[in-house]
Amino acid sequence: TLRPDIVWFGEMPYRMDDIYDALSACDLFV
């Protein structure tokens, strides 16, 4: 039952809410 902890095609990337919150509040995106 073990698999790599990798987000594969068709799966949702990790911590998207945290990422979008940071993007909404950032002054610089690099």
PDB file of all heavy atoms in Angstrom:
ATOM      1  N   THR A   1       0.813  -1.226   0.000  1.00  0.00           N
ATOM      2  CA  THR A   1       0.000   0.000   0.000  1.00  0.00           C
ATOM      3  C   THR A   1       0.843   1.271   0.000  1.00  0.00           C
ATOM      4  O   THR A   1       0.301   2.373  -0.001  1.00  0.00           O
ATOM      5  CB  THR A   1      -0.917   0.036   1.227  1.00  0.00           C
ATOM      6  OG1 THR A   1      -0.106  -0.063   2.414  1.00  0.00           O
ATOM      7  CG2 THR A   1      -1.913  -1.103   1.194  1.00  0.00           C
ATOM      8  N   LEU A   2       2.166   1.135   0.011  1.00  0.00           N
ATOM      9  CA  LEU A   2       3.028   2.313   0.066  1.00  0.00           C
ATOM     10  C   LEU A   2       3.219   2.906  -1.335  1.00  0.00           C
ATOM     11  O   LEU A   2       3.382   2.189  -2.308  1.00  0.00           O
ATOM     12  CB  LEU A   2       4.382   1.944   0.658  1.00  0.00           C
ATOM     13  CG  LEU A   2       4.362   1.403   2.093  1.00  0.00           C
ATOM     14  CD1 LEU A   2       5.768   1.024   2.520  1.00  0.00           C
ATOM     15  CD2 LEU A   2       3.760   2.428   3.045  1.00  0.00           C
ATOM     16  N   ARG A   3       3.229   4.244  -1.409  1.00  0.00           N
ATOM     17  CA  ARG A   3       3.470   4.943  -2.672  1.00  0.00           C
ATOM     18  C   ARG A   3       4.273   6.208  -2.383  1.00  0.00           C
ATOM     19  O   ARG A   3       4.279   6.723  -1.250  1.00  0.00           O
ATOM     20  CB  ARG A   3       2.176   5.303  -3.385  1.00  0.00           C
ATOM     21  CG  ARG A   3       1.229   6.170  -2.590  1.00  0.00           C
ATOM     22  CD  ARG A   3       0.225   6.895  -3.486  1.00  0.00           C
ATOM     23  NE  ARG A   3       0.780   8.143  -4.011  1.00  0.00           N
ATOM     24  CZ  ARG A   3       0.080   9.061  -4.693  1.00  0.00           C
ATOM     25  NH1 ARG A   3      -1.188   8.837  -4.946  1.00  0.00           N
ATOM     26  NH2 ARG A   3       0.647  10.160  -5.114  1.00  0.00           N
ATOM     27  N   PRO A   4       4.963   6.724  -3.377  1.00  0.00           N
ATOM     28  CA  PRO A   4       5.684   7.983  -3.174  1.00  0.00           C
ATOM     29  C   PRO A   4       4.721   9.103  -2.780  1.00  0.00           C
ATOM     30  O   PRO A   4       3.580   9.150  -3.259  1.00  0.00           O
ATOM     31  CB  PRO A   4       6.308   8.256  -4.549  1.00  0.00           C
ATOM     32  CG  PRO A   4       6.327   6.925  -5.239  1.00  0.00           C
ATOM     33  CD  PRO A   4       5.128   6.191  -4.738  1.00  0.00           C
ATOM     34  N   ASP A   5       5.182   9.998  -1.920  1.00  0.00           N
ATOM     35  CA  ASP A   5       4.363  11.144  -1.504  1.00  0.00           C
ATOM     36  C   ASP A   5       4.503  12.241  -2.561  1.00  0.00           C
ATOM     37  O   ASP A   5       5.012  13.331  -2.293  1.00  0.00           O
ATOM     38  CB  ASP A   5       4.797  11.646  -0.132  1.00  0.00           C
ATOM     39  CG  ASP A   5       3.849  12.703   0.416  1.00  0.00           C
ATOM     40  OD1 ASP A   5       2.743  12.844  -0.129  1.00  0.00           O
ATOM     41  OD2 ASP A   5       4.233  13.395   1.375  1.00  0.00           O
ATOM     42  N   ILE A   6       4.057  11.925  -3.757  1.00  0.00           N
ATOM     43  CA  ILE A   6       4.157  12.808  -4.911  1.00  0.00           C
ATOM     44  C   ILE A   6       2.755  13.119  -5.422  1.00  0.00           C
ATOM     45  O   ILE A   6       1.902  12.229  -5.488  1.00  0.00           O
ATOM     46  CB  ILE A   6       4.966  12.139  -6.052  1.00  0.00           C
ATOM     47  CG1 ILE A   6       6.348  11.696  -5.555  1.00  0.00           C
ATOM     48  CG2 ILE A   6       5.087  13.071  -7.249  1.00  0.00           C
ATOM     49  CD1 ILE A   6       7.237  12.816  -5.094  1.00  0.00           C
ATOM     50  N   VAL A   7       2.524  14.384  -5.765  1.00  0.00           N
ATOM     51  CA  VAL A   7       1.257  14.766  -6.378  1.00  0.00           C
ATOM     52  C   VAL A   7       1.334  14.430  -7.861  1.00  0.00           C
ATOM     53  O   VAL A   7       2.108  15.028  -8.608  1.00  0.00           O
ATOM     54  CB  VAL A   7       0.974  16.265  -6.179  1.00  0.00           C
ATOM     55  CG1 VAL A   7      -0.307  16.665  -6.910  1.00  0.00           C
ATOM     56  CG2 VAL A   7       0.870  16.599  -4.686  1.00  0.00           C
ATOM     57  N   TRP A   8       0.552  13.471  -8.273  1.00  0.00           N
ATOM     58  CA  TRP A   8       0.565  13.034  -9.657  1.00  0.00           C
ATOM     59  C   TRP A   8      -0.462  13.799 -10.484  1.00  0.00           C
ATOM     60  O   TRP A   8      -1.311  14.521  -9.947  1.00  0.00           O
ATOM     61  CB  TRP A   8       0.264  11.529  -9.714  1.00  0.00           C
ATOM     62  CG  TRP A   8       1.402  10.676  -9.254  1.00  0.00           C
ATOM     63  CD1 TRP A   8       2.730  10.950  -9.370  1.00  0.00           C
ATOM     64  CD2 TRP A   8       1.324   9.396  -8.607  1.00  0.00           C
ATOM     65  NE1 TRP A   8       3.489   9.922  -8.846  1.00  0.00           N
ATOM     66  CE2 TRP A   8       2.655   8.958  -8.379  1.00  0.00           C
ATOM     67  CE3 TRP A   8       0.270   8.573  -8.225  1.00  0.00           C
ATOM     68  CZ2 TRP A   8       2.943   7.737  -7.769  1.00  0.00           C
ATOM     69  CZ3 TRP A   8       0.554   7.358  -7.615  1.00  0.00           C
ATOM     70  CH2 TRP A   8       1.875   6.948  -7.397  1.00  0.00           C
ATOM     71  N   PHE A   9      -0.363  13.643 -11.811  1.00  0.00           N
ATOM     72  CA  PHE A   9      -1.342  14.248 -12.705  1.00  0.00           C
ATOM     73  C   PHE A   9      -2.745  13.813 -12.283  1.00  0.00           C
ATOM     74  O   PHE A   9      -2.995  12.639 -12.038  1.00  0.00           O
ATOM     75  CB  PHE A   9      -1.093  13.828 -14.155  1.00  0.00           C
ATOM     76  CG  PHE A   9       0.174  14.387 -14.744  1.00  0.00           C
ATOM     77  CD1 PHE A   9       1.302  13.587 -14.869  1.00  0.00           C
ATOM     78  CD2 PHE A   9       0.233  15.698 -15.169  1.00  0.00           C
ATOM     79  CE1 PHE A   9       2.479  14.089 -15.407  1.00  0.00           C
ATOM     80  CE2 PHE A   9       1.407  16.211 -15.712  1.00  0.00           C
ATOM     81  CZ  PHE A   9       2.524  15.410 -15.831  1.00  0.00           C
ATOM     82  N   GLY A  10      -3.641  14.786 -12.193  1.00  0.00           N
ATOM     83  CA  GLY A  10      -5.006  14.496 -11.787  1.00  0.00           C
ATOM     84  C   GLY A  10      -5.254  14.616 -10.300  1.00  0.00           C
ATOM     85  O   GLY A  10      -6.403  14.493  -9.850  1.00  0.00           O
ATOM     86  N   GLU A  11      -4.194  14.858  -9.508  1.00  0.00           N
ATOM     87  CA  GLU A  11      -4.335  15.020  -8.069  1.00  0.00           C
ATOM     88  C   GLU A  11      -4.160  16.488  -7.682  1.00  0.00           C
ATOM     89  O   GLU A  11      -3.505  17.255  -8.383  1.00  0.00           O
ATOM     90  CB  GLU A  11      -3.313  14.151  -7.329  1.00  0.00           C
ATOM     91  CG  GLU A  11      -3.510  12.658  -7.551  1.00  0.00           C
ATOM     92  CD  GLU A  11      -2.504  11.807  -6.805  1.00  0.00           C
ATOM     93  OE1 GLU A  11      -1.337  12.226  -6.659  1.00  0.00           O
ATOM     94  OE2 GLU A  11      -2.885  10.703  -6.379  1.00  0.00           O
ATOM     95  N   MET A  12      -4.740  16.873  -6.551  1.00  0.00           N
ATOM     96  CA  MET A  12      -4.672  18.261  -6.095  1.00  0.00           C
ATOM     97  C   MET A  12      -3.357  18.541  -5.375  1.00  0.00           C
ATOM     98  O   MET A  12      -2.987  17.812  -4.451  1.00  0.00           O
ATOM     99  CB  MET A  12      -5.832  18.542  -5.131  1.00  0.00           C
ATOM    100  CG  MET A  12      -5.840  19.973  -4.592  1.00  0.00           C
ATOM    101  SD  MET A  12      -6.041  21.218  -5.898  1.00  0.00           S
ATOM    102  CE  MET A  12      -7.725  20.858  -6.423  1.00  0.00           C
ATOM    103  N   PRO A  13      -2.629  19.572  -5.802  1.00  0.00           N
ATOM    104  CA  PRO A  13      -1.393  19.938  -5.094  1.00  0.00           C
ATOM    105  C   PRO A  13      -1.674  20.270  -3.631  1.00  0.00           C
ATOM    106  O   PRO A  13      -2.800  20.618  -3.250  1.00  0.00           O
ATOM    107  CB  PRO A  13      -0.911  21.173  -5.868  1.00  0.00           C
ATOM    108  CG  PRO A  13      -1.478  20.997  -7.237  1.00  0.00           C
ATOM    109  CD  PRO A  13      -2.829  20.380  -7.015  1.00  0.00           C
ATOM    110  N   TYR A  14      -0.642  20.191  -2.831  1.00  0.00           N
ATOM    111  CA  TYR A  14      -0.767  20.404  -1.392  1.00  0.00           C
ATOM    112  C   TYR A  14      -0.895  21.891  -1.028  1.00  0.00           C
ATOM    113  O   TYR A  14      -0.313  22.751  -1.683  1.00  0.00           O
ATOM    114  CB  TYR A  14       0.446  19.823  -0.664  1.00  0.00           C
ATOM    115  CG  TYR A  14       0.557  18.316  -0.748  1.00  0.00           C
ATOM    116  CD1 TYR A  14       1.798  17.693  -0.753  1.00  0.00           C
ATOM    117  CD2 TYR A  14      -0.567  17.509  -0.816  1.00  0.00           C
ATOM    118  CE1 TYR A  14       1.913  16.310  -0.808  1.00  0.00           C
ATOM    119  CE2 TYR A  14      -0.472  16.126  -0.879  1.00  0.00           C
ATOM    120  CZ  TYR A  14       0.773  15.534  -0.875  1.00  0.00           C
ATOM    121  OH  TYR A  14       0.875  14.168  -0.941  1.00  0.00           O
ATOM    122  N   ARG A  15      -1.663  22.148   0.007  1.00  0.00           N
ATOM    123  CA  ARG A  15      -1.771  23.436   0.707  1.00  0.00           C
ATOM    124  C   ARG A  15      -2.126  24.601  -0.232  1.00  0.00           C
ATOM    125  O   ARG A  15      -1.593  25.705  -0.109  1.00  0.00           O
ATOM    126  CB  ARG A  15      -0.471  23.729   1.465  1.00  0.00           C
ATOM    127  CG  ARG A  15      -0.165  22.708   2.561  1.00  0.00           C
ATOM    128  CD  ARG A  15       1.097  23.049   3.316  1.00  0.00           C
ATOM    129  NE  ARG A  15       1.001  24.360   3.947  1.00  0.00           N
ATOM    130  CZ  ARG A  15       2.029  24.950   4.574  1.00  0.00           C
ATOM    131  NH1 ARG A  15       3.201  24.337   4.645  1.00  0.00           N
ATOM    132  NH2 ARG A  15       1.878  26.144   5.115  1.00  0.00           N
ATOM    133  N   MET A  16      -3.055  24.339  -1.134  1.00  0.00           N
ATOM    134  CA  MET A  16      -3.429  25.380  -2.085  1.00  0.00           C
ATOM    135  C   MET A  16      -4.073  26.588  -1.407  1.00  0.00           C
ATOM    136  O   MET A  16      -3.861  27.731  -1.833  1.00  0.00           O
ATOM    137  CB  MET A  16      -4.365  24.798  -3.149  1.00  0.00           C
ATOM    138  CG  MET A  16      -3.681  23.802  -4.085  1.00  0.00           C
ATOM    139  SD  MET A  16      -2.249  24.516  -4.935  1.00  0.00           S
ATOM    140  CE  MET A  16      -3.036  25.803  -5.885  1.00  0.00           C
ATOM    141  N   ASP A  17      -4.846  26.381  -0.359  1.00  0.00           N
ATOM    142  CA  ASP A  17      -5.456  27.513   0.342  1.00  0.00           C
ATOM    143  C   ASP A  17      -4.393  28.432   0.925  1.00  0.00           C
ATOM    144  O   ASP A  17      -4.489  29.667   0.829  1.00  0.00           O
ATOM    145  CB  ASP A  17      -6.386  27.020   1.458  1.00  0.00           C
ATOM    146  CG  ASP A  17      -7.676  26.406   0.921  1.00  0.00           C
ATOM    147  OD1 ASP A  17      -7.972  26.602  -0.275  1.00  0.00           O
ATOM    148  OD2 ASP A  17      -8.368  25.721   1.697  1.00  0.00           O
ATOM    149  N   ASP A  18      -3.362  27.847   1.532  1.00  0.00           N
ATOM    150  CA  ASP A  18      -2.276  28.649   2.096  1.00  0.00           C
ATOM    151  C   ASP A  18      -1.542  29.417   1.007  1.00  0.00           C
ATOM    152  O   ASP A  18      -1.150  30.579   1.190  1.00  0.00           O
ATOM    153  CB  ASP A  18      -1.279  27.747   2.838  1.00  0.00           C
ATOM    154  CG  ASP A  18      -1.877  27.125   4.092  1.00  0.00           C
ATOM    155  OD1 ASP A  18      -2.831  27.697   4.654  1.00  0.00           O
ATOM    156  OD2 ASP A  18      -1.387  26.062   4.503  1.00  0.00           O
ATOM    157  N   ILE A  19      -1.344  28.766  -0.139  1.00  0.00           N
ATOM    158  CA  ILE A  19      -0.635  29.412  -1.240  1.00  0.00           C
ATOM    159  C   ILE A  19      -1.429  30.597  -1.771  1.00  0.00           C
ATOM    160  O   ILE A  19      -0.887  31.704  -1.942  1.00  0.00           O
ATOM    161  CB  ILE A  19      -0.348  28.400  -2.367  1.00  0.00           C
ATOM    162  CG1 ILE A  19       0.645  27.337  -1.893  1.00  0.00           C
ATOM    163  CG2 ILE A  19       0.192  29.114  -3.606  1.00  0.00           C
ATOM    164  CD1 ILE A  19       0.838  26.188  -2.862  1.00  0.00           C
ATOM    165  N   TYR A  20      -2.712  30.409  -2.005  1.00  0.00           N
ATOM    166  CA  TYR A  20      -3.518  31.504  -2.555  1.00  0.00           C
ATOM    167  C   TYR A  20      -3.685  32.639  -1.549  1.00  0.00           C
ATOM    168  O   TYR A  20      -3.742  33.813  -1.941  1.00  0.00           O
ATOM    169  CB  TYR A  20      -4.870  30.981  -3.027  1.00  0.00           C
ATOM    170  CG  TYR A  20      -4.804  30.330  -4.387  1.00  0.00           C
ATOM    171  CD1 TYR A  20      -5.139  28.995  -4.562  1.00  0.00           C
ATOM    172  CD2 TYR A  20      -4.387  31.053  -5.511  1.00  0.00           C
ATOM    173  CE1 TYR A  20      -5.067  28.391  -5.804  1.00  0.00           C
ATOM    174  CE2 TYR A  20      -4.304  30.454  -6.756  1.00  0.00           C
ATOM    175  CZ  TYR A  20      -4.644  29.126  -6.899  1.00  0.00           C
ATOM    176  OH  TYR A  20      -4.554  28.530  -8.138  1.00  0.00           O
ATOM    177  N   ASP A  21      -3.740  32.320  -0.269  1.00  0.00           N
ATOM    178  CA  ASP A  21      -3.791  33.380   0.748  1.00  0.00           C
ATOM    179  C   ASP A  21      -2.532  34.235   0.681  1.00  0.00           C
ATOM    180  O   ASP A  21      -2.600  35.478   0.752  1.00  0.00           O
ATOM    181  CB  ASP A  21      -3.932  32.780   2.142  1.00  0.00           C
ATOM    182  CG  ASP A  21      -5.338  32.255   2.428  1.00  0.00           C
ATOM    183  OD1 ASP A  21      -6.260  32.582   1.653  1.00  0.00           O
ATOM    184  OD2 ASP A  21      -5.495  31.511   3.419  1.00  0.00           O
ATOM    185  N   ALA A  22      -1.374  33.590   0.531  1.00  0.00           N
ATOM    186  CA  ALA A  22      -0.108  34.320   0.453  1.00  0.00           C
ATOM    187  C   ALA A  22      -0.022  35.131  -0.834  1.00  0.00           C
ATOM    188  O   ALA A  22       0.457  36.278  -0.833  1.00  0.00           O
ATOM    189  CB  ALA A  22       1.066  33.353   0.559  1.00  0.00           C
ATOM    190  N   LEU A  23      -0.481  34.557  -1.944  1.00  0.00           N
ATOM    191  CA  LEU A  23      -0.463  35.280  -3.216  1.00  0.00           C
ATOM    192  C   LEU A  23      -1.347  36.521  -3.154  1.00  0.00           C
ATOM    193  O   LEU A  23      -1.002  37.571  -3.709  1.00  0.00           O
ATOM    194  CB  LEU A  23      -0.939  34.363  -4.348  1.00  0.00           C
ATOM    195  CG  LEU A  23      -0.003  33.230  -4.761  1.00  0.00           C
ATOM    196  CD1 LEU A  23      -0.718  32.269  -5.702  1.00  0.00           C
ATOM    197  CD2 LEU A  23       1.259  33.777  -5.428  1.00  0.00           C
ATOM    198  N   SER A  24      -2.479  36.406  -2.485  1.00  0.00           N
ATOM    199  CA  SER A  24      -3.404  37.534  -2.390  1.00  0.00           C
ATOM    200  C   SER A  24      -2.828  38.674  -1.555  1.00  0.00           C
ATOM    201  O   SER A  24      -3.219  39.834  -1.743  1.00  0.00           O
ATOM    202  CB  SER A  24      -4.737  37.074  -1.778  1.00  0.00           C
ATOM    203  OG  SER A  24      -5.370  36.111  -2.596  1.00  0.00           O
ATOM    204  N   ALA A  25      -1.914  38.341  -0.648  1.00  0.00           N
ATOM    205  CA  ALA A  25      -1.375  39.347   0.268  1.00  0.00           C
ATOM    206  C   ALA A  25       0.025  39.814  -0.097  1.00  0.00           C
ATOM    207  O   ALA A  25       0.564  40.701   0.567  1.00  0.00           O
ATOM    208  CB  ALA A  25      -1.365  38.783   1.693  1.00  0.00           C
ATOM    209  N   CYS A  26       0.618  39.245  -1.149  1.00  0.00           N
ATOM    210  CA  CYS A  26       2.023  39.580  -1.431  1.00  0.00           C
ATOM    211  C   CYS A  26       2.148  40.867  -2.246  1.00  0.00           C
ATOM    212  O   CYS A  26       1.257  41.245  -3.008  1.00  0.00           O
ATOM    213  CB  CYS A  26       2.737  38.425  -2.132  1.00  0.00           C
ATOM    214  SG  CYS A  26       2.334  38.194  -3.876  1.00  0.00           S
ATOM    215  N   ASP A  27       3.282  41.546  -2.051  1.00  0.00           N
ATOM    216  CA  ASP A  27       3.616  42.749  -2.817  1.00  0.00           C
ATOM    217  C   ASP A  27       4.571  42.416  -3.955  1.00  0.00           C
ATOM    218  O   ASP A  27       4.695  43.194  -4.905  1.00  0.00           O
ATOM    219  CB  ASP A  27       4.285  43.786  -1.902  1.00  0.00           C
ATOM    220  CG  ASP A  27       3.440  44.108  -0.688  1.00  0.00           C
ATOM    221  OD1 ASP A  27       2.327  44.630  -0.872  1.00  0.00           O
ATOM    222  OD2 ASP A  27       3.878  43.793   0.440  1.00  0.00           O
ATOM    223  N   LEU A  28       5.256  41.281  -3.831  1.00  0.00           N
ATOM    224  CA  LEU A  28       6.212  40.842  -4.851  1.00  0.00           C
ATOM    225  C   LEU A  28       6.055  39.352  -5.074  1.00  0.00           C
ATOM    226  O   LEU A  28       6.079  38.573  -4.124  1.00  0.00           O
ATOM    227  CB  LEU A  28       7.648  41.151  -4.408  1.00  0.00           C
ATOM    228  CG  LEU A  28       8.774  40.638  -5.318  1.00  0.00           C
ATOM    229  CD1 LEU A  28       8.728  41.324  -6.679  1.00  0.00           C
ATOM    230  CD2 LEU A  28      10.139  40.847  -4.658  1.00  0.00           C
ATOM    231  N   PHE A  29       5.883  38.983  -6.345  1.00  0.00           N
ATOM    232  CA  PHE A  29       5.840  37.571  -6.723  1.00  0.00           C
ATOM    233  C   PHE A  29       7.029  37.299  -7.632  1.00  0.00           C
ATOM    234  O   PHE A  29       7.231  37.985  -8.633  1.00  0.00           O
ATOM    235  CB  PHE A  29       4.538  37.234  -7.452  1.00  0.00           C
ATOM    236  CG  PHE A  29       4.506  35.823  -7.993  1.00  0.00           C
ATOM    237  CD1 PHE A  29       4.346  34.747  -7.136  1.00  0.00           C
ATOM    238  CD2 PHE A  29       4.656  35.573  -9.354  1.00  0.00           C
ATOM    239  CE1 PHE A  29       4.329  33.447  -7.624  1.00  0.00           C
ATOM    240  CE2 PHE A  29       4.638  34.284  -9.849  1.00  0.00           C
ATOM    241  CZ  PHE A  29       4.476  33.216  -8.987  1.00  0.00           C
ATOM    242  N   VAL A  30       7.806  36.279  -7.278  1.00  0.00           N
ATOM    243  CA  VAL A  30       9.014  35.942  -8.038  1.00  0.00           C
ATOM    244  C   VAL A  30       8.909  34.495  -8.505  1.00  0.00           C
ATOM    245  O   VAL A  30       8.695  33.592  -7.701  1.00  0.00           O
ATOM    246  CB  VAL A  30      10.286  36.117  -7.178  1.00  0.00           C
ATOM    247  CG1 VAL A  30      11.529  35.854  -8.014  1.00  0.00           C
ATOM    248  CG2 VAL A  30      10.335  37.508  -6.558  1.00  0.00           C
TER     249      VAL A  30
END
